[in-house]
Structures are given as structure tokens and as C-alpha cells.
Amino acid sequence: MSEANLSVGVIAKRAGVNISTLHYYEEKGLIRSWRNAGNQRRYKADVLRRIALIKAGQKIGVSLGETKAILAQLPNERTPTTKDWENIATAWRDRLTQQINYIEKLKCSLSACIGCGCLSLERCHLYNQDDCLNQEGAGAVILERSDV
């Protein structure tokens, strides 16, 4: 199982990604392959765990650069172990909590003012009368508040 004997097509199918995605991940240094005697790419089975980590990160907004930095911390480019995953998950859990809080605020504000400063909604004057939120900064400042 530790041999690099899985073709790019097999890995793509099992990981649920396009072959071009695997080539891109490899170009970015997120995964690696070896070449067989016929100069065809071959992968070890544990690359599937790396791809799963990449895809999980992407779903929560972790950039490929951030994922590469996480994977670069592992010795000898090895695949994350259970302990490694626990450490990664802890960091991602905090990020997810922040995202969930922001999404909840956005969900509650979708039909009302989000404090963007545009003053175009009829209800904005209730939340941003005389554009007082301008004093707090640019953008959707109500959504950025930690006290709301």
C-alpha cells in the first residue's frame, strides 16, 4: 500500500476531483507523485487523505496557500496523522466559529440594514441615522461588531 502505484485517473475518481485538479495541486506543491518506467504519474494511496484535507479546507474558506503551509509543517511531506488532524481541526474550529457567527449576523440582517453606509434602504435610517456608522469605519460595520 505504501508503493506509488495508483494512476492519476484512479486517484481523481476516488477523490472526486478532476485530473487537472490533481495536476494543479501537484504544481502548487500540495501533493506529489512519482513517475513509473513509462513516465506516467503514480500516487501513493495516502495522497487521498491530503486531498480530503485540501477539499475540507476549501469548503470553509482556507486558501490553498494556507493549506500548503499546514502541510509543510509535517516532516518529510508525510500525510497528516490522526494527531496532526486534531491540531489542524482545532485551528479550523476557531475559524469556523467566527464564520458561523458572521453568517448568523448576516442571516438576521438580510432584510434590514447591515450598516454599509449606503443609506439606500428605507430602513437604514433606523440603524444608521445621519450615517453615524461612518465613524466606526468602512463597510458593513454592524456585521463586524463583536457585541451584536
N, C-alpha and C. Protein backbone atom coordinates (compact mmCIF):
# COMPACT_ATOMS: atom_id res chain seq x y z
N MET A 1 0.83 -1.20 0.00
CA MET A 1 0.00 0.00 0.00
C MET A 1 0.87 1.25 0.00
N SER A 2 2.10 1.16 0.54
CA SER A 2 2.94 2.34 0.59
C SER A 2 3.61 2.64 -0.75
N GLU A 3 3.47 1.73 -1.72
CA GLU A 3 4.04 1.96 -3.03
C GLU A 3 3.22 2.97 -3.81
N ALA A 4 3.92 3.73 -4.64
CA ALA A 4 3.24 4.69 -5.50
C ALA A 4 2.81 3.96 -6.76
N ASN A 5 1.62 3.36 -6.70
CA ASN A 5 1.18 2.56 -7.83
C ASN A 5 -0.22 2.90 -8.32
N LEU A 6 -0.80 3.97 -7.81
CA LEU A 6 -2.14 4.35 -8.24
C LEU A 6 -2.06 5.42 -9.32
N SER A 7 -2.80 5.21 -10.39
CA SER A 7 -2.76 6.15 -11.51
C SER A 7 -3.50 7.44 -11.18
N VAL A 8 -3.24 8.45 -11.96
CA VAL A 8 -3.90 9.73 -11.78
C VAL A 8 -5.41 9.59 -11.93
N GLY A 9 -5.86 8.73 -12.85
CA GLY A 9 -7.30 8.51 -13.04
C GLY A 9 -7.95 7.86 -11.83
N VAL A 10 -7.28 6.90 -11.23
CA VAL A 10 -7.81 6.23 -10.04
C VAL A 10 -7.91 7.22 -8.88
N ILE A 11 -6.87 7.99 -8.68
CA ILE A 11 -6.88 8.97 -7.58
C ILE A 11 -7.96 10.01 -7.81
N ALA A 12 -8.06 10.51 -9.03
CA ALA A 12 -9.08 11.53 -9.34
C ALA A 12 -10.48 10.99 -9.06
N LYS A 13 -10.74 9.77 -9.48
CA LYS A 13 -12.07 9.18 -9.27
C LYS A 13 -12.34 8.99 -7.78
N ARG A 14 -11.39 8.42 -7.06
CA ARG A 14 -11.59 8.17 -5.63
C ARG A 14 -11.70 9.44 -4.82
N ALA A 15 -10.99 10.50 -5.24
CA ALA A 15 -11.00 11.76 -4.50
C ALA A 15 -12.16 12.66 -4.92
N GLY A 16 -12.79 12.34 -6.04
CA GLY A 16 -13.89 13.16 -6.53
C GLY A 16 -13.44 14.49 -7.11
N VAL A 17 -12.28 14.49 -7.76
CA VAL A 17 -11.76 15.70 -8.40
C VAL A 17 -11.38 15.38 -9.84
N ASN A 18 -11.19 16.42 -10.62
CA ASN A 18 -10.73 16.24 -11.99
C ASN A 18 -9.23 15.95 -12.01
N ILE A 19 -8.78 15.31 -13.04
CA ILE A 19 -7.36 15.05 -13.21
C ILE A 19 -6.59 16.36 -13.23
N SER A 20 -7.15 17.36 -13.89
CA SER A 20 -6.48 18.66 -13.95
C SER A 20 -6.31 19.26 -12.56
N THR A 21 -7.24 18.97 -11.66
CA THR A 21 -7.13 19.45 -10.27
C THR A 21 -5.93 18.80 -9.59
N LEU A 22 -5.74 17.52 -9.82
CA LEU A 22 -4.57 16.84 -9.24
C LEU A 22 -3.28 17.45 -9.77
N HIS A 23 -3.24 17.72 -11.06
CA HIS A 23 -2.05 18.33 -11.65
C HIS A 23 -1.81 19.71 -11.03
N TYR A 24 -2.89 20.46 -10.81
CA TYR A 24 -2.78 21.78 -10.20
C TYR A 24 -2.27 21.68 -8.76
N TYR A 25 -2.85 20.76 -7.98
CA TYR A 25 -2.39 20.56 -6.60
C TYR A 25 -0.90 20.20 -6.58
N GLU A 26 -0.51 19.37 -7.53
CA GLU A 26 0.90 18.96 -7.59
C GLU A 26 1.78 20.15 -7.97
N GLU A 27 1.33 20.95 -8.92
CA GLU A 27 2.08 22.14 -9.33
C GLU A 27 2.25 23.11 -8.17
N LYS A 28 1.25 23.19 -7.30
CA LYS A 28 1.29 24.09 -6.15
C LYS A 28 2.03 23.48 -4.96
N GLY A 29 2.47 22.24 -5.07
CA GLY A 29 3.23 21.61 -4.00
C GLY A 29 2.39 21.04 -2.88
N LEU A 30 1.11 20.81 -3.14
CA LEU A 30 0.21 20.27 -2.11
C LEU A 30 0.26 18.74 -2.06
N ILE A 31 0.48 18.13 -3.20
CA ILE A 31 0.60 16.67 -3.28
C ILE A 31 1.80 16.36 -4.16
N ARG A 32 2.19 15.09 -4.16
CA ARG A 32 3.28 14.71 -5.06
C ARG A 32 3.02 13.34 -5.65
N SER A 33 3.62 13.15 -6.79
CA SER A 33 3.52 11.86 -7.48
C SER A 33 4.93 11.42 -7.86
N TRP A 34 5.00 10.21 -8.30
CA TRP A 34 6.24 9.66 -8.81
C TRP A 34 5.99 9.21 -10.24
N ARG A 35 7.02 9.05 -10.99
CA ARG A 35 6.90 8.60 -12.38
C ARG A 35 7.31 7.14 -12.48
N ASN A 36 6.52 6.38 -13.22
CA ASN A 36 6.88 4.98 -13.43
C ASN A 36 7.82 4.89 -14.64
N ALA A 37 8.17 3.67 -15.01
CA ALA A 37 9.10 3.46 -16.12
C ALA A 37 8.57 4.05 -17.42
N GLY A 38 7.26 4.12 -17.57
CA GLY A 38 6.64 4.70 -18.76
C GLY A 38 6.41 6.20 -18.64
N ASN A 39 6.98 6.83 -17.61
CA ASN A 39 6.86 8.26 -17.34
C ASN A 39 5.42 8.70 -17.02
N GLN A 40 4.64 7.77 -16.49
CA GLN A 40 3.27 8.11 -16.07
C GLN A 40 3.27 8.42 -14.58
N ARG A 41 2.42 9.37 -14.19
CA ARG A 41 2.30 9.71 -12.77
C ARG A 41 1.72 8.53 -12.01
N ARG A 42 2.27 8.34 -10.81
CA ARG A 42 1.75 7.34 -9.89
C ARG A 42 1.72 7.96 -8.50
N TYR A 43 0.70 7.59 -7.75
CA TYR A 43 0.49 8.15 -6.42
C TYR A 43 0.42 7.04 -5.38
N LYS A 44 0.81 7.40 -4.17
CA LYS A 44 0.58 6.52 -3.03
C LYS A 44 -0.86 6.73 -2.57
N ALA A 45 -1.44 5.73 -1.96
CA ALA A 45 -2.83 5.81 -1.52
C ALA A 45 -3.05 6.91 -0.49
N ASP A 46 -2.02 7.23 0.30
CA ASP A 46 -2.22 8.23 1.35
C ASP A 46 -2.41 9.64 0.80
N VAL A 47 -2.19 9.84 -0.50
CA VAL A 47 -2.45 11.15 -1.09
C VAL A 47 -3.94 11.49 -1.00
N LEU A 48 -4.78 10.47 -0.90
CA LEU A 48 -6.22 10.70 -0.76
C LEU A 48 -6.54 11.48 0.51
N ARG A 49 -5.79 11.22 1.58
CA ARG A 49 -6.02 11.95 2.83
C ARG A 49 -5.62 13.41 2.68
N ARG A 50 -4.52 13.66 1.97
CA ARG A 50 -4.10 15.04 1.71
C ARG A 50 -5.16 15.77 0.89
N ILE A 51 -5.67 15.11 -0.12
CA ILE A 51 -6.70 15.73 -0.97
C ILE A 51 -7.96 16.00 -0.15
N ALA A 52 -8.33 15.08 0.71
CA ALA A 52 -9.51 15.29 1.57
C ALA A 52 -9.30 16.51 2.46
N LEU A 53 -8.10 16.68 2.99
CA LEU A 53 -7.79 17.84 3.83
C LEU A 53 -7.87 19.12 3.00
N ILE A 54 -7.34 19.10 1.80
CA ILE A 54 -7.40 20.26 0.91
C ILE A 54 -8.85 20.64 0.63
N LYS A 55 -9.66 19.64 0.28
CA LYS A 55 -11.07 19.91 -0.05
C LYS A 55 -11.85 20.40 1.17
N ALA A 56 -11.58 19.82 2.33
CA ALA A 56 -12.26 20.26 3.56
C ALA A 56 -11.91 21.71 3.85
N GLY A 57 -10.64 22.04 3.71
CA GLY A 57 -10.21 23.41 3.93
C GLY A 57 -10.86 24.38 2.97
N GLN A 58 -10.93 24.00 1.70
CA GLN A 58 -11.54 24.87 0.71
C GLN A 58 -13.01 25.15 1.03
N LYS A 59 -13.70 24.16 1.55
CA LYS A 59 -15.12 24.34 1.86
C LYS A 59 -15.35 25.35 2.98
N ILE A 60 -14.35 25.55 3.83
CA ILE A 60 -14.52 26.54 4.90
C ILE A 60 -13.72 27.81 4.62
N GLY A 61 -13.20 27.93 3.42
CA GLY A 61 -12.52 29.16 3.04
C GLY A 61 -11.03 29.20 3.30
N VAL A 62 -10.42 28.07 3.58
CA VAL A 62 -8.97 28.03 3.77
C VAL A 62 -8.34 28.02 2.38
N SER A 63 -7.46 28.96 2.15
CA SER A 63 -6.82 29.05 0.84
C SER A 63 -5.85 27.89 0.63
N LEU A 64 -5.53 27.64 -0.63
CA LEU A 64 -4.55 26.60 -0.92
C LEU A 64 -3.19 26.96 -0.33
N GLY A 65 -2.87 28.24 -0.28
CA GLY A 65 -1.62 28.68 0.34
C GLY A 65 -1.57 28.35 1.82
N GLU A 66 -2.69 28.56 2.50
CA GLU A 66 -2.76 28.24 3.93
C GLU A 66 -2.65 26.73 4.14
N THR A 67 -3.31 25.97 3.28
CA THR A 67 -3.24 24.51 3.39
C THR A 67 -1.83 24.03 3.13
N LYS A 68 -1.18 24.64 2.15
CA LYS A 68 0.21 24.26 1.86
C LYS A 68 1.10 24.52 3.07
N ALA A 69 0.87 25.65 3.74
CA ALA A 69 1.67 25.98 4.93
C ALA A 69 1.44 24.95 6.04
N ILE A 70 0.20 24.50 6.20
CA ILE A 70 -0.11 23.48 7.20
C ILE A 70 0.61 22.18 6.86
N LEU A 71 0.50 21.77 5.59
CA LEU A 71 1.12 20.52 5.17
C LEU A 71 2.65 20.60 5.21
N ALA A 72 3.19 21.79 5.00
CA ALA A 72 4.65 21.96 5.02
C ALA A 72 5.22 21.74 6.42
N GLN A 73 4.39 21.86 7.44
CA GLN A 73 4.86 21.65 8.81
C GLN A 73 5.06 20.17 9.13
N LEU A 74 4.53 19.31 8.28
CA LEU A 74 4.67 17.88 8.52
C LEU A 74 6.03 17.40 8.01
N PRO A 75 6.73 16.62 8.80
CA PRO A 75 8.06 16.16 8.38
C PRO A 75 8.01 15.27 7.15
N ASN A 76 8.98 15.43 6.29
CA ASN A 76 9.16 14.59 5.10
C ASN A 76 7.93 14.54 4.20
N GLU A 77 7.17 15.62 4.18
CA GLU A 77 5.97 15.70 3.33
C GLU A 77 5.00 14.54 3.57
N ARG A 78 4.98 14.04 4.80
CA ARG A 78 4.11 12.91 5.07
C ARG A 78 2.65 13.35 5.15
N THR A 79 1.80 12.38 5.06
CA THR A 79 0.37 12.63 5.16
C THR A 79 0.00 12.86 6.63
N PRO A 80 -0.96 13.75 6.89
CA PRO A 80 -1.36 14.01 8.28
C PRO A 80 -1.84 12.75 9.00
N THR A 81 -1.37 12.60 10.22
CA THR A 81 -1.81 11.51 11.09
C THR A 81 -3.06 11.96 11.85
N THR A 82 -3.60 11.09 12.66
CA THR A 82 -4.75 11.44 13.48
C THR A 82 -4.40 12.61 14.40
N LYS A 83 -3.22 12.59 15.00
CA LYS A 83 -2.79 13.67 15.88
C LYS A 83 -2.64 14.98 15.11
N ASP A 84 -2.05 14.89 13.91
CA ASP A 84 -1.91 16.09 13.07
C ASP A 84 -3.29 16.67 12.77
N TRP A 85 -4.21 15.79 12.42
CA TRP A 85 -5.56 16.24 12.08
C TRP A 85 -6.23 16.92 13.28
N GLU A 86 -6.02 16.40 14.47
CA GLU A 86 -6.58 17.03 15.67
C GLU A 86 -6.08 18.46 15.82
N ASN A 87 -4.78 18.67 15.58
CA ASN A 87 -4.21 20.01 15.67
C ASN A 87 -4.77 20.94 14.60
N ILE A 88 -4.87 20.44 13.39
CA ILE A 88 -5.43 21.23 12.30
C ILE A 88 -6.89 21.55 12.59
N ALA A 89 -7.63 20.56 13.03
CA ALA A 89 -9.06 20.75 13.31
C ALA A 89 -9.29 21.78 14.41
N THR A 90 -8.42 21.82 15.40
CA THR A 90 -8.56 22.81 16.47
C THR A 90 -8.45 24.22 15.90
N ALA A 91 -7.47 24.44 15.05
CA ALA A 91 -7.30 25.76 14.43
C ALA A 91 -8.49 26.09 13.54
N TRP A 92 -8.95 25.12 12.78
CA TRP A 92 -10.08 25.34 11.88
C TRP A 92 -11.37 25.54 12.66
N ARG A 93 -11.50 24.92 13.81
CA ARG A 93 -12.71 25.06 14.62
C ARG A 93 -12.91 26.51 15.02
N ASP A 94 -11.83 27.17 15.44
CA ASP A 94 -11.91 28.59 15.80
C ASP A 94 -12.33 29.43 14.60
N ARG A 95 -11.76 29.14 13.46
CA ARG A 95 -12.11 29.85 12.24
C ARG A 95 -13.58 29.64 11.90
N LEU A 96 -14.04 28.40 12.00
CA LEU A 96 -15.44 28.09 11.70
C LEU A 96 -16.39 28.81 12.66
N THR A 97 -16.03 28.87 13.92
CA THR A 97 -16.87 29.57 14.90
C THR A 97 -17.02 31.02 14.51
N GLN A 98 -15.94 31.66 14.11
CA GLN A 98 -16.00 33.06 13.66
C GLN A 98 -16.89 33.18 12.42
N GLN A 99 -16.73 32.26 11.48
CA GLN A 99 -17.54 32.31 10.26
C GLN A 99 -19.02 32.08 10.56
N ILE A 100 -19.30 31.15 11.44
CA ILE A 100 -20.70 30.87 11.81
C ILE A 100 -21.32 32.10 12.45
N ASN A 101 -20.61 32.74 13.36
CA ASN A 101 -21.12 33.95 14.00
C ASN A 101 -21.41 35.04 12.96
N TYR A 102 -20.50 35.21 12.02
CA TYR A 102 -20.68 36.22 10.97
C TYR A 102 -21.90 35.86 10.10
N ILE A 103 -22.01 34.61 9.72
CA ILE A 103 -23.13 34.18 8.88
C ILE A 103 -24.45 34.35 9.61
N GLU A 104 -24.49 34.06 10.91
CA GLU A 104 -25.71 34.26 11.69
C GLU A 104 -26.12 35.73 11.71
N LYS A 105 -25.13 36.61 11.89
CA LYS A 105 -25.43 38.04 11.86
C LYS A 105 -25.96 38.44 10.49
N LEU A 106 -25.32 37.96 9.46
CA LEU A 106 -25.75 38.27 8.10
C LEU A 106 -27.16 37.75 7.84
N LYS A 107 -27.44 36.53 8.28
CA LYS A 107 -28.76 35.92 8.11
C LYS A 107 -29.84 36.79 8.75
N CYS A 108 -29.57 37.27 9.94
CA CYS A 108 -30.54 38.10 10.66
C CYS A 108 -30.67 39.49 10.03
N SER A 109 -29.68 39.92 9.29
CA SER A 109 -29.68 41.26 8.73
C SER A 109 -30.08 41.32 7.27
N LEU A 110 -30.37 40.19 6.66
CA LEU A 110 -30.63 40.17 5.22
C LEU A 110 -31.78 41.07 4.80
N SER A 111 -32.79 41.20 5.62
CA SER A 111 -33.93 42.02 5.23
C SER A 111 -33.88 43.40 5.87
N ALA A 112 -32.79 43.71 6.52
CA ALA A 112 -32.65 45.01 7.17
C ALA A 112 -31.30 45.61 6.81
N CYS A 113 -30.92 46.61 7.52
CA CYS A 113 -29.66 47.30 7.27
C CYS A 113 -28.49 46.47 7.82
N ILE A 114 -27.40 46.43 7.05
CA ILE A 114 -26.19 45.78 7.53
C ILE A 114 -25.12 46.81 7.85
N GLY A 115 -25.52 48.09 7.83
CA GLY A 115 -24.61 49.16 8.23
C GLY A 115 -23.51 49.44 7.25
N CYS A 116 -23.80 49.33 5.96
CA CYS A 116 -22.75 49.52 4.96
C CYS A 116 -22.48 50.99 4.66
N GLY A 117 -23.38 51.87 5.07
CA GLY A 117 -23.17 53.29 4.81
C GLY A 117 -23.79 53.78 3.53
N CYS A 118 -24.48 52.92 2.80
CA CYS A 118 -25.04 53.34 1.51
C CYS A 118 -26.26 54.24 1.67
N LEU A 119 -26.97 54.10 2.76
CA LEU A 119 -28.17 54.90 3.05
C LEU A 119 -29.25 54.73 1.98
N SER A 120 -29.25 53.61 1.27
CA SER A 120 -30.22 53.44 0.19
C SER A 120 -31.47 52.68 0.61
N LEU A 121 -31.41 51.94 1.70
CA LEU A 121 -32.60 51.22 2.14
C LEU A 121 -33.47 52.13 2.98
N GLU A 122 -34.79 51.98 2.81
CA GLU A 122 -35.71 52.80 3.59
C GLU A 122 -35.53 52.58 5.09
N ARG A 123 -35.12 51.36 5.48
CA ARG A 123 -34.97 51.06 6.90
C ARG A 123 -33.61 51.47 7.45
N CYS A 124 -32.70 51.90 6.61
CA CYS A 124 -31.36 52.25 7.09
C CYS A 124 -31.38 53.35 8.14
N HIS A 125 -32.27 54.30 8.01
CA HIS A 125 -32.27 55.38 8.98
C HIS A 125 -32.52 54.89 10.40
N LEU A 126 -33.15 53.70 10.54
CA LEU A 126 -33.36 53.14 11.87
C LEU A 126 -32.06 52.70 12.51
N TYR A 127 -31.13 52.22 11.68
CA TYR A 127 -29.87 51.69 12.18
C TYR A 127 -28.70 52.66 11.98
N ASN A 128 -28.80 53.51 10.98
CA ASN A 128 -27.66 54.34 10.61
C ASN A 128 -28.13 55.77 10.34
N GLN A 129 -28.92 56.28 11.23
CA GLN A 129 -29.44 57.63 11.07
C GLN A 129 -28.29 58.62 10.97
N ASP A 130 -28.38 59.50 10.01
CA ASP A 130 -27.35 60.53 9.77
C ASP A 130 -25.97 59.92 9.52
N ASP A 131 -25.95 58.70 9.04
CA ASP A 131 -24.69 58.00 8.70
C ASP A 131 -23.69 57.99 9.86
N CYS A 132 -24.20 57.79 11.07
CA CYS A 132 -23.32 57.77 12.25
C CYS A 132 -22.35 56.59 12.23
N LEU A 133 -22.69 55.53 11.49
CA LEU A 133 -21.79 54.38 11.43
C LEU A 133 -20.50 54.69 10.69
N ASN A 134 -20.50 55.76 9.93
CA ASN A 134 -19.30 56.19 9.24
C ASN A 134 -18.15 56.39 10.23
N GLN A 135 -18.48 56.75 11.45
CA GLN A 135 -17.46 56.97 12.49
C GLN A 135 -16.75 55.67 12.87
N GLU A 136 -17.42 54.52 12.65
CA GLU A 136 -16.86 53.22 13.05
C GLU A 136 -15.98 52.59 11.98
N GLY A 137 -16.06 53.08 10.77
CA GLY A 137 -15.23 52.52 9.71
C GLY A 137 -16.02 52.25 8.45
N ALA A 138 -15.31 51.70 7.48
CA ALA A 138 -15.91 51.42 6.17
C ALA A 138 -16.53 50.02 6.15
N GLY A 139 -17.46 49.83 5.24
CA GLY A 139 -18.05 48.51 5.03
C GLY A 139 -19.21 48.23 5.95
N ALA A 140 -19.56 46.98 6.06
CA ALA A 140 -20.71 46.54 6.84
C ALA A 140 -20.34 46.45 8.32
N VAL A 141 -20.22 47.60 8.95
CA VAL A 141 -19.69 47.65 10.31
C VAL A 141 -20.57 46.95 11.34
N ILE A 142 -21.87 46.92 11.12
CA ILE A 142 -22.74 46.23 12.07
C ILE A 142 -22.41 44.74 12.09
N LEU A 143 -22.16 44.17 10.94
CA LEU A 143 -21.81 42.75 10.88
C LEU A 143 -20.44 42.47 11.49
N GLU A 144 -19.55 43.44 11.47
CA GLU A 144 -18.21 43.26 12.00
C GLU A 144 -18.15 43.40 13.52
N ARG A 145 -19.17 43.96 14.13
CA ARG A 145 -19.17 44.15 15.58
C ARG A 145 -19.19 42.81 16.31
N SER A 146 -18.47 42.74 17.39
CA SER A 146 -18.48 41.51 18.19
C SER A 146 -19.57 41.55 19.25
N ASP A 147 -20.15 42.73 19.51
CA ASP A 147 -21.15 42.86 20.56
C ASP A 147 -22.58 42.69 20.06
N VAL A 148 -22.77 42.46 18.77
CA VAL A 148 -24.13 42.35 18.22
C VAL A 148 -24.49 40.90 18.04
